[in-house]
């Protein structure tokens, strides 16, 4: 378990993510993180982007539906 202390960051508040946690999460300065709430009321901080996942599913569906067209264009 990791403990974070809320601190002032400019005119806002934030917390510092320790290097070990950043490495394990595969994140770096400038990356976006998402705080999601679970059904039990707990929270999860993750680099997971639900919008990106929806976009990728749509792209996969288009590639599947139009695979013959995409093959012809790739020639």
N, C-alpha and C. Protein backbone atom coordinates (compact mmCIF):
# COMPACT_ATOMS: atom_id res chain seq x y z
N UNK A 1 0.85 -1.17 0.00
CA UNK A 1 0.00 0.00 0.00
C UNK A 1 0.90 1.23 0.00
N UNK A 2 0.46 2.24 -0.70
CA UNK A 2 1.19 3.50 -0.77
C UNK A 2 0.35 4.61 -0.16
N UNK A 3 1.00 5.50 0.53
CA UNK A 3 0.32 6.63 1.15
C UNK A 3 0.69 7.90 0.40
N UNK A 4 -0.31 8.73 0.12
CA UNK A 4 -0.09 9.99 -0.57
C UNK A 4 -0.57 11.11 0.34
N UNK A 5 0.16 12.22 0.31
CA UNK A 5 -0.22 13.38 1.10
C UNK A 5 -0.68 14.47 0.15
N UNK A 6 -1.87 15.01 0.38
CA UNK A 6 -2.40 16.10 -0.42
C UNK A 6 -1.60 17.35 -0.12
N UNK A 7 -1.14 18.02 -1.18
CA UNK A 7 -0.30 19.20 -1.01
C UNK A 7 -0.73 20.28 -2.00
N UNK A 8 -0.25 21.49 -1.79
CA UNK A 8 -0.56 22.59 -2.70
C UNK A 8 0.36 22.50 -3.91
N UNK A 9 -0.24 22.58 -5.10
CA UNK A 9 0.50 22.57 -6.36
C UNK A 9 0.00 23.77 -7.14
N UNK A 10 0.75 24.86 -7.09
CA UNK A 10 0.29 26.11 -7.71
C UNK A 10 -0.94 26.60 -6.98
N UNK A 11 -2.02 26.87 -7.71
CA UNK A 11 -3.27 27.33 -7.11
C UNK A 11 -4.21 26.17 -6.85
N UNK A 12 -3.74 24.95 -7.05
CA UNK A 12 -4.58 23.76 -6.87
C UNK A 12 -4.00 22.88 -5.76
N UNK A 13 -4.61 21.73 -5.60
CA UNK A 13 -4.09 20.74 -4.67
C UNK A 13 -3.82 19.46 -5.46
N UNK A 14 -2.83 18.72 -5.03
CA UNK A 14 -2.48 17.49 -5.71
C UNK A 14 -1.62 16.63 -4.82
N UNK A 15 -1.14 15.53 -5.37
CA UNK A 15 -0.24 14.68 -4.61
C UNK A 15 0.89 14.21 -5.52
N UNK A 16 2.00 13.86 -4.91
CA UNK A 16 3.18 13.41 -5.61
C UNK A 16 3.12 11.89 -5.74
N UNK A 17 3.33 11.40 -6.95
CA UNK A 17 3.34 9.95 -7.18
C UNK A 17 4.80 9.48 -7.10
N UNK A 18 5.11 8.60 -6.16
CA UNK A 18 6.49 8.13 -6.02
C UNK A 18 6.99 7.43 -7.28
N UNK A 19 8.30 7.50 -7.50
CA UNK A 19 8.93 6.93 -8.69
C UNK A 19 8.57 5.46 -8.87
N UNK A 20 8.60 4.68 -7.80
CA UNK A 20 8.29 3.25 -7.88
C UNK A 20 6.87 3.02 -8.41
N UNK A 21 5.93 3.84 -7.95
CA UNK A 21 4.54 3.71 -8.40
C UNK A 21 4.44 4.10 -9.88
N UNK A 22 5.09 5.18 -10.27
CA UNK A 22 5.07 5.61 -11.67
C UNK A 22 5.62 4.52 -12.58
N UNK A 23 6.71 3.90 -12.16
CA UNK A 23 7.30 2.83 -12.96
C UNK A 23 6.37 1.63 -13.08
N UNK A 24 5.75 1.25 -11.97
CA UNK A 24 4.84 0.09 -11.99
C UNK A 24 3.60 0.36 -12.81
N UNK A 25 3.13 1.61 -12.81
CA UNK A 25 1.94 1.97 -13.59
C UNK A 25 2.28 2.26 -15.05
N UNK A 26 3.56 2.43 -15.34
CA UNK A 26 3.98 2.74 -16.70
C UNK A 26 3.58 4.15 -17.13
N UNK A 27 3.66 5.09 -16.19
CA UNK A 27 3.27 6.47 -16.49
C UNK A 27 4.47 7.40 -16.35
N UNK A 28 4.35 8.56 -16.99
CA UNK A 28 5.41 9.57 -16.90
C UNK A 28 4.76 10.95 -16.83
N UNK A 29 5.59 11.96 -16.58
CA UNK A 29 5.11 13.33 -16.47
C UNK A 29 4.30 13.70 -17.71
N UNK A 30 3.14 14.28 -17.50
CA UNK A 30 2.28 14.69 -18.59
C UNK A 30 1.20 13.68 -18.94
N UNK A 31 1.34 12.43 -18.49
CA UNK A 31 0.32 11.43 -18.76
C UNK A 31 -0.96 11.76 -18.00
N UNK A 32 -2.08 11.35 -18.55
CA UNK A 32 -3.36 11.55 -17.88
C UNK A 32 -3.72 10.30 -17.09
N UNK A 33 -4.26 10.51 -15.91
CA UNK A 33 -4.74 9.41 -15.07
C UNK A 33 -6.24 9.58 -14.88
N UNK A 34 -6.92 8.49 -14.62
CA UNK A 34 -8.36 8.50 -14.45
C UNK A 34 -8.72 7.92 -13.10
N UNK A 35 -9.57 8.63 -12.38
CA UNK A 35 -10.06 8.17 -11.09
C UNK A 35 -11.46 7.63 -11.33
N UNK A 36 -11.63 6.33 -11.18
CA UNK A 36 -12.92 5.70 -11.41
C UNK A 36 -13.47 5.17 -10.09
N UNK A 37 -14.77 5.18 -9.97
CA UNK A 37 -15.42 4.69 -8.76
C UNK A 37 -15.98 3.30 -9.02
N UNK A 38 -15.69 2.38 -8.12
CA UNK A 38 -16.19 1.00 -8.22
C UNK A 38 -17.58 0.92 -7.61
N UNK A 39 -18.25 -0.19 -7.88
CA UNK A 39 -19.60 -0.39 -7.36
C UNK A 39 -19.66 -0.37 -5.84
N UNK A 40 -18.55 -0.78 -5.19
CA UNK A 40 -18.53 -0.81 -3.73
C UNK A 40 -18.21 0.55 -3.11
N UNK A 41 -18.04 1.59 -3.95
CA UNK A 41 -17.76 2.92 -3.45
C UNK A 41 -16.28 3.25 -3.34
N UNK A 42 -15.42 2.27 -3.59
CA UNK A 42 -13.98 2.54 -3.55
C UNK A 42 -13.56 3.23 -4.86
N UNK A 43 -12.35 3.75 -4.87
CA UNK A 43 -11.84 4.46 -6.04
C UNK A 43 -10.60 3.77 -6.58
N UNK A 44 -10.37 3.95 -7.87
CA UNK A 44 -9.20 3.36 -8.52
C UNK A 44 -8.55 4.42 -9.41
N UNK A 45 -7.25 4.61 -9.25
CA UNK A 45 -6.49 5.54 -10.06
C UNK A 45 -5.74 4.73 -11.12
N UNK A 46 -5.97 5.05 -12.39
CA UNK A 46 -5.43 4.23 -13.45
C UNK A 46 -5.16 5.06 -14.70
N UNK A 47 -4.20 4.62 -15.53
CA UNK A 47 -4.00 5.29 -16.81
C UNK A 47 -5.04 4.85 -17.84
N UNK A 48 -5.97 3.99 -17.47
CA UNK A 48 -7.04 3.50 -18.34
C UNK A 48 -7.92 4.66 -18.81
N UNK A 49 -8.19 4.71 -20.10
CA UNK A 49 -9.01 5.76 -20.68
C UNK A 49 -10.25 5.14 -21.30
N UNK A 50 -11.42 5.25 -20.67
CA UNK A 50 -12.62 4.61 -21.20
C UNK A 50 -13.02 5.15 -22.58
N UNK A 51 -12.74 6.40 -22.88
CA UNK A 51 -13.06 6.96 -24.20
C UNK A 51 -12.19 6.31 -25.27
N UNK A 52 -10.91 6.14 -24.98
CA UNK A 52 -10.00 5.51 -25.93
C UNK A 52 -10.42 4.08 -26.19
N UNK A 53 -10.83 3.36 -25.15
CA UNK A 53 -11.27 1.98 -25.33
C UNK A 53 -12.47 1.91 -26.27
N UNK A 54 -13.43 2.81 -26.11
CA UNK A 54 -14.60 2.83 -27.00
C UNK A 54 -14.18 3.12 -28.43
N UNK A 55 -13.24 4.06 -28.60
CA UNK A 55 -12.76 4.39 -29.94
C UNK A 55 -12.06 3.20 -30.58
N UNK A 56 -11.26 2.46 -29.82
CA UNK A 56 -10.56 1.30 -30.35
C UNK A 56 -11.54 0.20 -30.73
N UNK A 57 -12.58 -0.01 -29.94
CA UNK A 57 -13.58 -1.02 -30.28
C UNK A 57 -14.29 -0.66 -31.59
N UNK A 58 -14.60 0.62 -31.76
CA UNK A 58 -15.24 1.08 -32.99
C UNK A 58 -14.29 0.88 -34.17
N UNK A 59 -13.01 1.23 -34.01
CA UNK A 59 -12.03 1.05 -35.08
C UNK A 59 -11.90 -0.43 -35.45
N UNK A 60 -11.87 -1.31 -34.47
CA UNK A 60 -11.78 -2.74 -34.74
C UNK A 60 -13.00 -3.23 -35.51
N UNK A 61 -14.17 -2.73 -35.17
CA UNK A 61 -15.39 -3.13 -35.87
C UNK A 61 -15.36 -2.66 -37.32
N UNK A 62 -14.91 -1.42 -37.54
CA UNK A 62 -14.81 -0.89 -38.91
C UNK A 62 -13.80 -1.71 -39.71
N UNK A 63 -12.64 -2.02 -39.11
CA UNK A 63 -11.64 -2.80 -39.82
C UNK A 63 -12.17 -4.20 -40.16
N UNK A 64 -12.96 -4.77 -39.26
CA UNK A 64 -13.53 -6.09 -39.52
C UNK A 64 -14.57 -6.01 -40.63
N UNK A 65 -15.47 -5.05 -40.55
CA UNK A 65 -16.55 -4.93 -41.53
C UNK A 65 -16.03 -4.57 -42.92
N UNK A 66 -14.99 -3.76 -42.99
CA UNK A 66 -14.47 -3.26 -44.26
C UNK A 66 -13.11 -3.87 -44.62
N UNK A 67 -12.84 -5.08 -44.15
CA UNK A 67 -11.51 -5.67 -44.35
C UNK A 67 -11.17 -5.85 -45.83
N UNK A 68 -12.14 -6.20 -46.68
CA UNK A 68 -11.85 -6.36 -48.11
C UNK A 68 -11.46 -5.03 -48.73
N UNK A 69 -12.16 -3.98 -48.41
CA UNK A 69 -11.85 -2.65 -48.90
C UNK A 69 -10.47 -2.20 -48.43
N UNK A 70 -10.18 -2.43 -47.16
CA UNK A 70 -8.88 -2.03 -46.61
C UNK A 70 -7.74 -2.81 -47.26
N UNK A 71 -7.96 -4.10 -47.56
CA UNK A 71 -6.93 -4.90 -48.26
C UNK A 71 -6.67 -4.32 -49.64
N UNK A 72 -7.73 -3.96 -50.35
CA UNK A 72 -7.58 -3.41 -51.69
C UNK A 72 -6.83 -2.06 -51.64
N UNK A 73 -7.12 -1.25 -50.66
CA UNK A 73 -6.44 0.04 -50.53
C UNK A 73 -4.98 -0.12 -50.15
N UNK A 74 -4.64 -1.21 -49.46
CA UNK A 74 -3.28 -1.43 -49.00
C UNK A 74 -2.34 -1.86 -50.15
N UNK A 75 -2.92 -2.25 -51.28
CA UNK A 75 -2.09 -2.72 -52.42
C UNK A 75 -1.43 -1.57 -53.13
